[in-house]
Amino acid sequence: MRIFQAQYTLDGRAKKAAKWTVEFRDHHGVTRRLTLFRDKSATREAGNKLQRLADLRRMQQPPGRELGQFLESLPPDRREKLVVWGMLEPESVAASKSLLAHLDDWKAALAAKSNTAQHVAHQFQRARDVFQRAGFRTLSEVNATAVQKVMQAMRDEDVAFRTINFRLGACKQFLRWAQRERRAGDNPLAYLEPLNAKLDVRRERRVLSPDECVTLLRAVESTGKRACMQGPERALFYRLALGTGLRAKECRALKAGDFDLVNSALRVRASTSKNRREVWQPLPGELVEPLKEQLRGKLPLAPAFSVGSANALSKAFKSDLKDAGIARCDDSGRLADFHSLRHTFITNLANSGVHPNVAKTLARHSTITLTMDRYSHVRLEDERRAVELLPSLDTRQPQKATGTAGMGINAQDNLASGLASQGGQPCKTSAKHDAKQDFSAPENATADQPQTCMDSTKSAPEAGSEADDSWRWRGDSNPRMTVLQTVA
């Protein structure tokens, strides 16, 4: 290791640099030069520490606390050079970089993955808001305790649980990216669980019954222009959503070339699908002919429907519900909007007995839980029919006679004894009754007499056999006697 002042020529005169440069060999034996300080002694001390770092790196040992503090005191550009040479881990440089700069890099990485601009902006804003409220300035300051306090503060401000979960998810996604980029050693928020959003439902959608769907479509066909579509075209737009379960954005982005009416299918392009995957969705047969009329004369890249903006479509659906006389909010407080058509589609699949895996595929969901729990609504009339199947517990109604009501134990034993004596064969009704009364065969029994025992699987014993309990017939574990004739 040596230190020196670099020389250069200016206006024909040799000059020395103001800062001292240290020359050393790294852990691979390669000669490296790093310009450090104006003070010679400080540069020499730093050179010794750099040589020590190279030796530790060669032995694959981490730097100590003193050496770590020295590295943190170096200017960022010097640390970046050490990272390039392999003498420092990338996270050691990222620790001193501002958190906002890391967020900007993450935002650029999200945009590079072909995410929509709206998604990128939402994720960036959610993570930035949480970190700013927690007071984090660098990546190394991020900790779970402070984030939990921020989540509790949002709950005190009556922020919806679902909104809090979205913000927590954005923070976790950012930290996972930082781990992959080796900017962070671990994810301090990995163990934080999201809140139970079912405990704080602010807006729940309802499904439309088949009668409400028909009423809505008939009313829309006779209305004027809304959301840039006339009544018949808008009714077909609603029918398409009810028959395919497409989301509003997916319906609005359909092109004429996305329809294959010969095979009764349409294509949902990856650029418009929520899961960013292209898929062919089957079409109900009743929609083929109306769609042929709608798409007649249109170029493949032309929009299939002349629908307006998402806001205009939402307002048009709300007005159409009002014109059809359909309540937008039901007795349970559930609201109906355009996305309710998708809920209705999946719920109708479930009510029609479609296999859950098929419904999951048609809904294009990642898990079957999402399909069945969130979208398969049970209408009130279905619930009412279910509870009507319960047995009646009305005490005012007379109970049906069972044939043994009011009979005591002795009466039942006498009935069993009488039946046994008529049949002439041994009969064992239960362990309890067998212990109280002996149902042995009478002496005058003949083989021609009918047998009255149930579930008997053995024939009567031969004449002269030993009279013990080993020959008793065995029935089921809970035998029930059949009354063949009334015993006086």
Protein backbone atom coordinates (compact mmCIF):
# COMPACT_ATOMS: atom_id res chain seq x y z
CA MET A 1 0.00 0.00 0.00
CA ARG A 2 1.27 3.47 -0.85
CA ILE A 3 -0.10 6.98 -1.07
CA PHE A 4 0.81 9.70 -3.52
CA GLN A 5 -0.37 12.92 -5.12
CA ALA A 6 -1.32 12.56 -8.74
CA GLN A 7 0.57 14.91 -11.10
CA TYR A 8 -0.80 16.65 -14.15
CA THR A 9 0.33 19.38 -16.55
CA LEU A 10 -1.41 22.76 -16.82
CA ASP A 11 -0.15 25.49 -19.17
CA GLY A 12 3.11 23.61 -19.61
CA ARG A 13 3.76 23.45 -15.89
CA ALA A 14 3.70 20.24 -13.78
CA LYS A 15 1.31 20.35 -10.88
CA LYS A 16 0.19 18.00 -8.12
CA ALA A 17 -3.39 17.19 -7.22
CA ALA A 18 -4.77 18.65 -4.03
CA LYS A 19 -6.02 15.27 -2.75
CA TRP A 20 -3.96 12.25 -1.91
CA THR A 21 -4.53 8.92 -3.64
CA VAL A 22 -4.10 5.52 -2.00
CA GLU A 23 -2.91 2.50 -3.99
CA PHE A 24 -3.58 -1.02 -2.66
CA ARG A 25 -4.36 -4.54 -3.79
CA ASP A 26 -7.92 -5.85 -3.43
CA HIS A 27 -9.03 -9.36 -2.41
CA HIS A 28 -8.33 -10.62 -5.95
CA GLY A 29 -4.81 -9.17 -5.99
CA VAL A 30 -5.75 -6.45 -8.46
CA THR A 31 -4.12 -3.04 -7.94
CA ARG A 32 -6.71 -0.36 -7.14
CA ARG A 33 -6.36 3.40 -6.76
CA LEU A 34 -8.77 5.56 -4.79
CA THR A 35 -8.48 9.33 -4.31
CA LEU A 36 -9.49 10.33 -0.80
CA PHE A 37 -8.51 13.37 1.30
CA ARG A 38 -6.35 16.44 1.24
CA ASP A 39 -4.67 15.41 4.48
CA LYS A 40 -1.83 12.96 3.98
CA SER A 41 -2.08 11.27 7.37
CA ALA A 42 -5.84 10.79 7.02
CA THR A 43 -5.31 9.25 3.60
CA ARG A 44 -2.62 6.91 4.94
CA GLU A 45 -4.90 5.76 7.76
CA ALA A 46 -7.72 5.21 5.28
CA GLY A 47 -5.38 3.23 3.02
CA ASN A 48 -4.50 0.91 5.90
CA LYS A 49 -8.17 0.31 6.59
CA LEU A 50 -8.88 -0.38 2.92
CA GLN A 51 -6.04 -2.91 2.84
CA ARG A 52 -7.48 -4.53 5.96
CA LEU A 53 -10.91 -4.65 4.28
CA ALA A 54 -9.35 -6.40 1.29
CA ASP A 55 -7.73 -8.97 3.57
CA LEU A 56 -11.00 -9.65 5.38
CA ARG A 57 -12.80 -9.95 2.06
CA ARG A 58 -10.22 -12.48 0.90
CA MET A 59 -10.88 -14.55 4.04
CA GLN A 60 -14.67 -14.07 3.54
CA GLN A 61 -15.08 -12.40 6.91
CA PRO A 62 -17.35 -9.41 7.59
CA PRO A 63 -15.83 -6.04 8.55
CA GLY A 64 -15.87 -5.14 12.20
CA ARG A 65 -17.72 -2.28 13.81
CA GLU A 66 -14.81 0.15 13.59
CA LEU A 67 -14.20 -0.64 9.94
CA GLY A 68 -17.94 -0.39 9.24
CA GLN A 69 -18.09 3.09 10.72
CA PHE A 70 -15.14 4.12 8.55
CA LEU A 71 -16.88 2.86 5.41
CA GLU A 72 -20.07 4.74 6.29
CA SER A 73 -18.06 7.95 6.62
CA LEU A 74 -16.71 7.66 3.06
CA PRO A 75 -18.38 9.77 0.34
CA PRO A 76 -21.10 7.86 -1.58
CA ASP A 77 -19.18 7.85 -4.85
CA ARG A 78 -16.19 6.23 -3.12
CA ARG A 79 -18.39 3.52 -1.62
CA GLU A 80 -19.92 2.86 -5.00
CA LYS A 81 -16.44 2.23 -6.40
CA LEU A 82 -15.80 -0.30 -3.64
CA VAL A 83 -19.07 -2.02 -4.54
CA VAL A 84 -18.05 -2.21 -8.19
CA TRP A 85 -14.72 -3.76 -7.16
CA GLY A 86 -16.60 -6.32 -5.03
CA MET A 87 -15.16 -5.14 -1.72
CA LEU A 88 -18.56 -3.99 -0.36
CA GLU A 89 -22.06 -5.37 -0.53
CA PRO A 90 -24.62 -3.23 -2.43
CA GLU A 91 -26.80 -2.80 0.66
CA SER A 92 -23.98 -0.97 2.42
CA VAL A 93 -24.23 1.77 -0.20
CA ALA A 94 -28.02 1.74 -0.28
CA ALA A 95 -28.15 2.35 3.48
CA SER A 96 -27.02 5.96 3.08
CA LYS A 97 -29.16 6.67 0.02
CA SER A 98 -32.35 8.59 0.64
CA LEU A 99 -35.53 6.53 0.83
CA LEU A 100 -37.23 8.76 -1.71
CA ALA A 101 -34.46 8.00 -4.21
CA HIS A 102 -35.06 4.27 -3.71
CA LEU A 103 -38.79 4.81 -4.23
CA ASP A 104 -38.09 6.63 -7.49
CA ASP A 105 -35.98 3.70 -8.67
CA TRP A 106 -38.75 1.28 -7.70
CA LYS A 107 -41.30 3.37 -9.58
CA ALA A 108 -39.14 3.22 -12.70
CA ALA A 109 -38.82 -0.56 -12.29
CA LEU A 110 -42.61 -0.93 -12.05
CA ALA A 111 -43.10 1.11 -15.20
CA ALA A 112 -40.49 -0.98 -17.01
CA LYS A 113 -42.57 -4.13 -16.34
CA SER A 114 -45.41 -2.83 -18.54
CA ASN A 115 -47.66 -1.99 -15.63
CA THR A 116 -50.31 0.62 -16.27
CA ALA A 117 -49.45 4.19 -15.37
CA GLN A 118 -52.37 4.26 -12.93
CA HIS A 119 -51.12 1.17 -11.08
CA VAL A 120 -47.58 2.51 -10.88
CA ALA A 121 -48.76 5.86 -9.52
CA HIS A 122 -51.04 4.22 -6.93
CA GLN A 123 -48.34 1.86 -5.61
CA PHE A 124 -45.74 4.63 -5.42
CA GLN A 125 -48.10 6.98 -3.60
CA ARG A 126 -49.26 4.34 -1.11
CA ALA A 127 -45.74 3.36 -0.08
CA ARG A 128 -44.50 6.95 0.02
CA ASP A 129 -47.39 8.09 2.24
CA VAL A 130 -46.73 5.37 4.83
CA PHE A 131 -42.98 6.02 4.93
CA GLN A 132 -43.44 9.77 5.20
CA ARG A 133 -45.94 9.41 8.05
CA ALA A 134 -43.51 7.09 9.83
CA GLY A 135 -40.67 9.62 9.40
CA PHE A 136 -38.30 7.31 7.53
CA ARG A 137 -35.50 9.07 5.65
CA THR A 138 -33.28 6.12 4.70
CA LEU A 139 -33.94 2.48 3.89
CA SER A 140 -32.17 1.30 7.04
CA GLU A 141 -34.67 3.22 9.20
CA VAL A 142 -37.69 1.21 8.03
CA ASN A 143 -39.04 -0.93 10.87
CA ALA A 144 -42.27 -2.78 11.61
CA THR A 145 -43.07 -0.99 14.87
CA ALA A 146 -43.30 2.43 13.27
CA VAL A 147 -45.40 1.07 10.39
CA GLN A 148 -47.80 -0.55 12.86
CA LYS A 149 -48.22 2.80 14.60
CA VAL A 150 -49.04 4.40 11.26
CA MET A 151 -51.64 1.68 10.57
CA GLN A 152 -53.21 2.26 13.98
CA ALA A 153 -53.30 6.01 13.36
CA MET A 154 -55.13 5.40 10.06
CA ARG A 155 -57.63 3.20 11.87
CA ASP A 156 -58.22 6.01 14.37
CA GLU A 157 -58.86 8.32 11.42
CA ASP A 158 -61.58 5.90 10.22
CA VAL A 159 -59.66 4.80 7.14
CA ALA A 160 -61.12 1.63 5.63
CA PHE A 161 -59.32 -1.61 6.47
CA ARG A 162 -59.04 -2.42 2.77
CA THR A 163 -57.29 0.89 2.10
CA ILE A 164 -54.84 0.22 4.94
CA ASN A 165 -54.12 -3.23 3.51
CA PHE A 166 -53.41 -1.73 0.09
CA ARG A 167 -50.85 0.62 1.60
CA LEU A 168 -49.21 -2.12 3.62
CA GLY A 169 -49.05 -4.30 0.52
CA ALA A 170 -47.32 -1.54 -1.45
CA CYS A 171 -44.70 -1.15 1.29
CA LYS A 172 -44.05 -4.90 1.33
CA GLN A 173 -43.75 -4.97 -2.45
CA PHE A 174 -41.20 -2.16 -2.36
CA LEU A 175 -39.09 -3.94 0.27
CA ARG A 176 -39.20 -7.22 -1.67
CA TRP A 177 -37.87 -5.34 -4.68
CA ALA A 178 -35.14 -3.80 -2.51
CA GLN A 179 -34.14 -7.29 -1.38
CA ARG A 180 -33.91 -8.58 -4.96
CA GLU A 181 -31.82 -5.55 -5.89
CA ARG A 182 -29.58 -6.24 -2.85
CA ARG A 183 -30.37 -2.83 -1.45
CA ALA A 184 -31.76 -4.31 1.76
CA GLY A 185 -30.63 -7.32 3.72
CA ASP A 186 -34.10 -8.32 4.91
CA ASN A 187 -37.74 -7.28 4.84
CA PRO A 188 -38.68 -5.88 8.26
CA LEU A 189 -42.39 -5.84 7.30
CA ALA A 190 -42.55 -9.46 6.15
CA TYR A 191 -44.31 -10.71 9.29
CA LEU A 192 -46.96 -7.96 9.42
CA GLU A 193 -50.38 -9.42 8.67
CA PRO A 194 -53.09 -7.44 6.86
CA LEU A 195 -56.26 -6.45 8.67
CA ASN A 196 -59.43 -8.50 8.31
CA ALA A 197 -61.24 -6.44 5.69
CA LYS A 198 -64.47 -8.38 6.29
CA LEU A 199 -64.84 -6.60 9.63
CA ASP A 200 -64.99 -3.20 7.94
CA VAL A 201 -66.94 -3.46 4.71
CA ARG A 202 -67.72 0.04 3.50
CA ARG A 203 -69.29 -0.88 0.19
CA GLU A 204 -70.78 -4.24 -0.69
CA ARG A 205 -72.17 -4.97 -4.11
CA ARG A 206 -75.35 -6.87 -4.68
CA VAL A 207 -76.43 -9.13 -7.53
CA LEU A 208 -79.43 -8.64 -9.75
CA SER A 209 -82.07 -11.33 -9.89
CA PRO A 210 -83.04 -12.76 -13.31
CA ASP A 211 -86.27 -10.76 -13.25
CA GLU A 212 -84.36 -7.56 -12.46
CA CYS A 213 -81.97 -8.23 -15.34
CA VAL A 214 -84.81 -8.66 -17.81
CA THR A 215 -86.57 -5.56 -16.49
CA LEU A 216 -83.36 -3.53 -16.79
CA LEU A 217 -82.63 -4.64 -20.36
CA ARG A 218 -86.19 -3.90 -21.51
CA ALA A 219 -86.10 -0.45 -19.96
CA VAL A 220 -82.67 0.37 -21.45
CA GLU A 221 -83.74 -0.58 -24.97
CA SER A 222 -86.38 2.17 -24.95
CA THR A 223 -84.16 4.93 -23.54
CA GLY A 224 -82.07 7.53 -25.33
CA LYS A 225 -78.35 8.11 -25.64
CA ARG A 226 -76.21 7.70 -22.55
CA ALA A 227 -72.47 7.07 -22.23
CA CYS A 228 -72.22 7.71 -25.99
CA MET A 229 -74.50 4.70 -26.71
CA GLN A 230 -78.12 4.54 -27.75
CA GLY A 231 -80.52 2.38 -25.79
CA PRO A 232 -80.33 -0.84 -27.89
CA GLU A 233 -76.54 -0.70 -28.07
CA ARG A 234 -76.27 -0.06 -24.34
CA ALA A 235 -78.62 -2.97 -23.61
CA LEU A 236 -76.39 -5.25 -25.70
CA PHE A 237 -73.39 -3.92 -23.79
CA TYR A 238 -75.06 -4.90 -20.51
CA ARG A 239 -76.02 -8.33 -21.89
CA LEU A 240 -72.41 -8.92 -22.88
CA ALA A 241 -71.25 -8.14 -19.33
CA LEU A 242 -73.94 -10.40 -17.86
CA GLY A 243 -73.06 -13.26 -20.23
CA THR A 244 -69.26 -13.13 -19.96
CA GLY A 245 -68.46 -11.51 -16.60
CA LEU A 246 -66.10 -9.00 -18.20
CA ARG A 247 -65.11 -5.95 -16.18
CA ALA A 248 -66.03 -2.45 -17.31
CA LYS A 249 -62.52 -1.67 -18.55
CA GLU A 250 -62.35 -4.94 -20.47
CA CYS A 251 -65.73 -4.33 -22.11
CA ARG A 252 -64.84 -0.77 -23.07
CA ALA A 253 -61.56 -1.88 -24.68
CA LEU A 254 -63.07 -4.55 -26.94
CA LYS A 255 -62.30 -4.26 -30.65
CA ALA A 256 -64.33 -5.71 -33.49
CA GLY A 257 -61.47 -8.11 -34.26
CA ASP A 258 -61.62 -9.54 -30.73
CA PHE A 259 -64.83 -11.43 -31.54
CA ASP A 260 -64.88 -14.90 -33.10
CA LEU A 261 -68.59 -15.33 -33.66
CA VAL A 262 -68.12 -18.54 -35.64
CA ASN A 263 -66.81 -20.26 -32.51
CA SER A 264 -68.89 -18.11 -30.12
CA ALA A 265 -65.94 -16.61 -28.27
CA LEU A 266 -64.22 -13.29 -27.66
CA ARG A 267 -60.63 -12.41 -26.83
CA VAL A 268 -59.64 -10.45 -23.75
CA ARG A 269 -56.26 -8.96 -24.58
CA ALA A 270 -53.46 -8.99 -22.03
CA SER A 271 -53.11 -5.22 -22.27
CA THR A 272 -56.65 -4.74 -20.93
CA SER A 273 -57.02 -7.80 -18.68
CA LYS A 274 -56.58 -7.31 -14.95
CA ASN A 275 -54.23 -10.28 -14.61
CA ARG A 276 -52.28 -9.19 -17.73
CA ARG A 277 -53.01 -12.46 -19.52
CA GLU A 278 -54.72 -13.01 -22.84
CA VAL A 279 -57.69 -15.36 -22.74
CA TRP A 280 -60.56 -16.43 -24.96
CA GLN A 281 -63.92 -16.19 -23.24
CA PRO A 282 -66.92 -18.23 -24.49
CA LEU A 283 -70.05 -16.37 -25.54
CA PRO A 284 -73.65 -17.44 -24.85
CA GLY A 285 -75.36 -18.54 -28.04
CA GLU A 286 -78.11 -15.95 -27.70
CA LEU A 287 -75.57 -13.13 -28.08
CA VAL A 288 -74.10 -14.25 -31.41
CA GLU A 289 -76.78 -12.80 -33.70
CA PRO A 290 -77.10 -9.42 -31.90
CA LEU A 291 -73.30 -9.08 -31.95
CA LYS A 292 -73.22 -9.78 -35.70
CA GLU A 293 -75.53 -6.83 -36.24
CA GLN A 294 -73.46 -4.66 -33.89
CA LEU A 295 -70.14 -5.47 -35.60
CA ARG A 296 -71.40 -5.40 -39.18
CA GLY A 297 -69.20 -3.20 -41.37
CA LYS A 298 -66.62 -2.43 -38.65
CA LEU A 299 -62.88 -2.83 -39.20
CA PRO A 300 -61.00 -5.26 -36.94
CA LEU A 301 -59.29 -2.45 -35.02
CA ALA A 302 -62.47 -0.40 -34.63
CA PRO A 303 -64.07 -0.25 -31.17
CA ALA A 304 -66.82 -2.82 -30.79
CA PHE A 305 -69.01 -0.35 -28.85
CA SER A 306 -69.11 3.44 -28.93
CA VAL A 307 -68.94 3.58 -25.13
CA GLY A 308 -67.75 6.69 -23.34
CA SER A 309 -65.51 7.09 -20.29
CA ALA A 310 -65.70 4.96 -17.16
CA ASN A 311 -67.36 7.80 -15.26
CA ALA A 312 -69.98 8.27 -18.00
CA LEU A 313 -70.73 4.53 -18.00
CA SER A 314 -71.18 4.54 -14.22
CA LYS A 315 -73.62 7.44 -14.37
CA ALA A 316 -75.54 5.84 -17.25
CA PHE A 317 -75.97 2.57 -15.35
CA LYS A 318 -77.22 4.42 -12.31
CA SER A 319 -79.79 6.30 -14.41
CA ASP A 320 -80.86 3.09 -16.17
CA LEU A 321 -81.56 1.42 -12.82
CA LYS A 322 -83.72 4.35 -11.83
CA ASP A 323 -85.67 4.30 -15.10
CA ALA A 324 -86.24 0.54 -14.73
CA GLY A 325 -87.60 1.00 -11.21
CA ILE A 326 -84.87 -1.16 -9.68
CA ALA A 327 -83.59 -0.17 -6.26
CA ARG A 328 -79.87 0.58 -6.36
CA CYS A 329 -79.54 -0.31 -2.67
CA ASP A 330 -81.29 -3.34 -1.18
CA ASP A 331 -82.51 -3.90 2.37
CA SER A 332 -79.06 -5.13 3.46
CA GLY A 333 -77.35 -1.96 2.28
CA ARG A 334 -75.70 -3.58 -0.74
CA LEU A 335 -75.31 -1.38 -3.80
CA ALA A 336 -75.73 -2.18 -7.47
CA ASP A 337 -73.34 -0.73 -10.05
CA PHE A 338 -71.89 -1.89 -13.34
CA HIS A 339 -69.49 -4.28 -11.60
CA SER A 340 -72.56 -5.95 -10.08
CA LEU A 341 -73.14 -7.48 -13.52
CA ARG A 342 -69.92 -9.44 -13.05
CA HIS A 343 -71.05 -10.52 -9.57
CA THR A 344 -74.37 -11.58 -11.09
CA PHE A 345 -72.62 -13.62 -13.79
CA ILE A 346 -70.53 -15.62 -11.31
CA THR A 347 -73.40 -16.05 -8.86
CA ASN A 348 -75.62 -17.40 -11.64
CA LEU A 349 -72.89 -19.91 -12.49
CA ALA A 350 -72.85 -21.09 -8.89
CA ASN A 351 -76.64 -21.28 -8.67
CA SER A 352 -76.74 -23.27 -11.93
CA GLY A 353 -74.60 -26.02 -10.45
CA VAL A 354 -71.45 -25.25 -12.43
CA HIS A 355 -68.32 -26.86 -10.98
CA PRO A 356 -66.32 -24.37 -8.89
CA ASN A 357 -63.18 -24.89 -10.97
CA VAL A 358 -65.10 -24.07 -14.14
CA ALA A 359 -66.53 -20.94 -12.50
CA LYS A 360 -63.01 -19.95 -11.42
CA THR A 361 -61.75 -20.31 -14.99
CA LEU A 362 -64.62 -18.31 -16.46
CA ALA A 363 -64.13 -15.60 -13.82
CA ARG A 364 -60.35 -15.59 -14.50
CA HIS A 365 -59.55 -15.62 -10.80
CA SER A 366 -56.27 -16.72 -9.27
CA THR A 367 -57.89 -18.69 -6.42
CA ILE A 368 -61.15 -20.54 -5.96
CA THR A 369 -61.63 -18.76 -2.62
CA LEU A 370 -62.06 -15.42 -4.35
CA THR A 371 -64.63 -16.87 -6.71
CA MET A 372 -66.80 -18.56 -4.10
CA ASP A 373 -66.44 -16.24 -1.10
CA ARG A 374 -66.61 -12.82 -2.68
CA TYR A 375 -68.64 -13.24 -5.84
CA SER A 376 -71.06 -16.13 -5.23
CA HIS A 377 -73.80 -14.17 -3.51
CA VAL A 378 -76.80 -16.03 -2.11
CA ARG A 379 -79.99 -14.14 -2.78
CA LEU A 380 -82.53 -13.60 -0.01
CA GLU A 381 -85.08 -15.93 -1.55
CA ASP A 382 -82.51 -18.74 -1.60
CA GLU A 383 -81.84 -18.19 2.09
CA ARG A 384 -85.55 -18.19 2.84
CA ARG A 385 -86.06 -21.49 1.02
CA ALA A 386 -83.15 -22.98 2.97
CA VAL A 387 -84.54 -22.11 6.39
CA GLU A 388 -87.98 -23.40 5.45
CA LEU A 389 -86.45 -26.89 5.24
CA LEU A 390 -85.74 -26.89 8.98
CA PRO A 391 -88.05 -29.04 11.18
CA SER A 392 -90.95 -27.27 12.83
CA LEU A 393 -90.58 -26.50 16.54
CA ASP A 394 -94.02 -24.98 17.01
CA THR A 395 -95.38 -26.17 20.38
CA ARG A 396 -98.97 -25.36 19.36
CA GLN A 397 -99.04 -28.10 16.74
CA PRO A 398 -100.07 -31.61 17.91
CA GLN A 399 -97.33 -34.23 17.85
CA LYS A 400 -97.72 -37.26 15.64
CA ALA A 401 -98.38 -40.60 17.36
CA THR A 402 -95.45 -43.02 17.30
CA GLY A 403 -97.32 -46.12 18.47
CA THR A 404 -95.50 -46.42 21.79
CA ALA A 405 -96.34 -43.07 23.36
CA GLY A 406 -97.51 -43.47 26.97
CA MET A 407 -96.21 -47.02 27.28
CA GLY A 408 -93.92 -47.75 30.20
CA ILE A 409 -91.06 -50.21 30.37
CA ASN A 410 -93.28 -53.02 31.66
CA ALA A 411 -95.81 -52.56 28.89
CA GLN A 412 -93.09 -52.70 26.25
CA ASP A 413 -91.63 -55.82 27.84
CA ASN A 414 -95.06 -57.48 27.84
CA LEU A 415 -95.47 -56.59 24.17
CA ALA A 416 -92.12 -58.13 23.33
CA SER A 417 -92.87 -61.21 25.42
CA GLY A 418 -96.20 -61.70 23.68
CA LEU A 419 -94.67 -61.46 20.26
CA ALA A 420 -91.96 -63.91 21.22
CA SER A 421 -94.46 -66.45 22.57
CA GLN A 422 -96.53 -66.28 19.39
CA GLY A 423 -93.55 -66.89 17.17
CA GLY A 424 -92.25 -69.78 19.19
CA GLN A 425 -88.65 -68.84 18.56
CA PRO A 426 -86.13 -67.01 20.73
CA CYS A 427 -85.92 -63.29 20.20
CA LYS A 428 -83.39 -60.88 21.69
CA THR A 429 -84.53 -57.25 21.45
CA SER A 430 -81.84 -55.49 23.44
CA ALA A 431 -79.29 -56.10 26.15
CA LYS A 432 -81.44 -54.21 28.63
CA HIS A 433 -84.58 -56.25 28.03
CA ASP A 434 -82.64 -59.48 27.77
CA ALA A 435 -81.25 -58.92 31.24
CA LYS A 436 -84.73 -58.35 32.69
CA GLN A 437 -86.69 -61.18 31.02
CA ASP A 438 -85.74 -64.52 29.45
CA PHE A 439 -87.06 -64.85 25.89
CA SER A 440 -86.34 -68.57 25.60
CA ALA A 441 -88.40 -70.77 23.30
CA PRO A 442 -91.52 -72.39 24.83
CA GLU A 443 -91.56 -76.17 25.23
CA ASN A 444 -94.48 -76.71 22.82
CA ALA A 445 -92.91 -74.77 19.95
CA THR A 446 -93.04 -76.45 16.54
CA ALA A 447 -91.03 -75.84 13.43
CA ASP A 448 -94.16 -74.90 11.48
CA GLN A 449 -94.95 -71.92 13.68
CA PRO A 450 -94.01 -68.53 12.21
CA GLN A 451 -90.96 -66.74 13.54
CA THR A 452 -91.38 -63.16 14.72
CA CYS A 453 -87.76 -62.15 15.36
CA MET A 454 -86.16 -59.50 13.16
CA ASP A 455 -82.76 -59.64 11.44
CA SER A 456 -82.23 -63.25 12.38
CA THR A 457 -79.33 -64.80 10.53
CA LYS A 458 -79.21 -68.23 12.24
CA SER A 459 -81.72 -71.07 12.30
CA ALA A 460 -83.20 -72.47 15.50
CA PRO A 461 -81.03 -74.95 17.42
CA GLU A 462 -81.42 -78.67 16.91
CA ALA A 463 -83.64 -80.59 19.35
CA GLY A 464 -81.77 -81.71 22.39
CA SER A 465 -79.07 -79.10 22.17
CA GLU A 466 -77.71 -77.49 25.31
CA ALA A 467 -79.95 -74.75 26.68
CA ASP A 468 -77.47 -71.93 27.09
CA ASP A 469 -77.05 -68.42 25.82
CA SER A 470 -74.62 -69.42 23.06
CA TRP A 471 -77.43 -70.29 20.62
CA ARG A 472 -79.28 -66.97 20.88
CA TRP A 473 -79.79 -65.28 17.54
CA ARG A 474 -77.89 -62.10 16.88
CA GLY A 475 -79.51 -59.12 15.22
CA ASP A 476 -78.23 -55.61 14.69
CA SER A 477 -76.87 -53.51 17.54
CA ASN A 478 -80.12 -51.53 17.81
CA PRO A 479 -82.93 -53.88 16.74
CA ARG A 480 -86.47 -52.67 16.20
CA MET A 481 -89.39 -55.10 16.46
CA THR A 482 -92.07 -55.19 13.84
CA VAL A 483 -95.57 -55.55 15.26
CA LEU A 484 -97.25 -58.31 13.28
CA GLN A 485 -100.55 -58.32 15.15
CA THR A 486 -102.16 -56.49 17.96
CA VAL A 487 -101.53 -57.99 21.35
CA ALA A 488 -104.55 -57.74 23.64
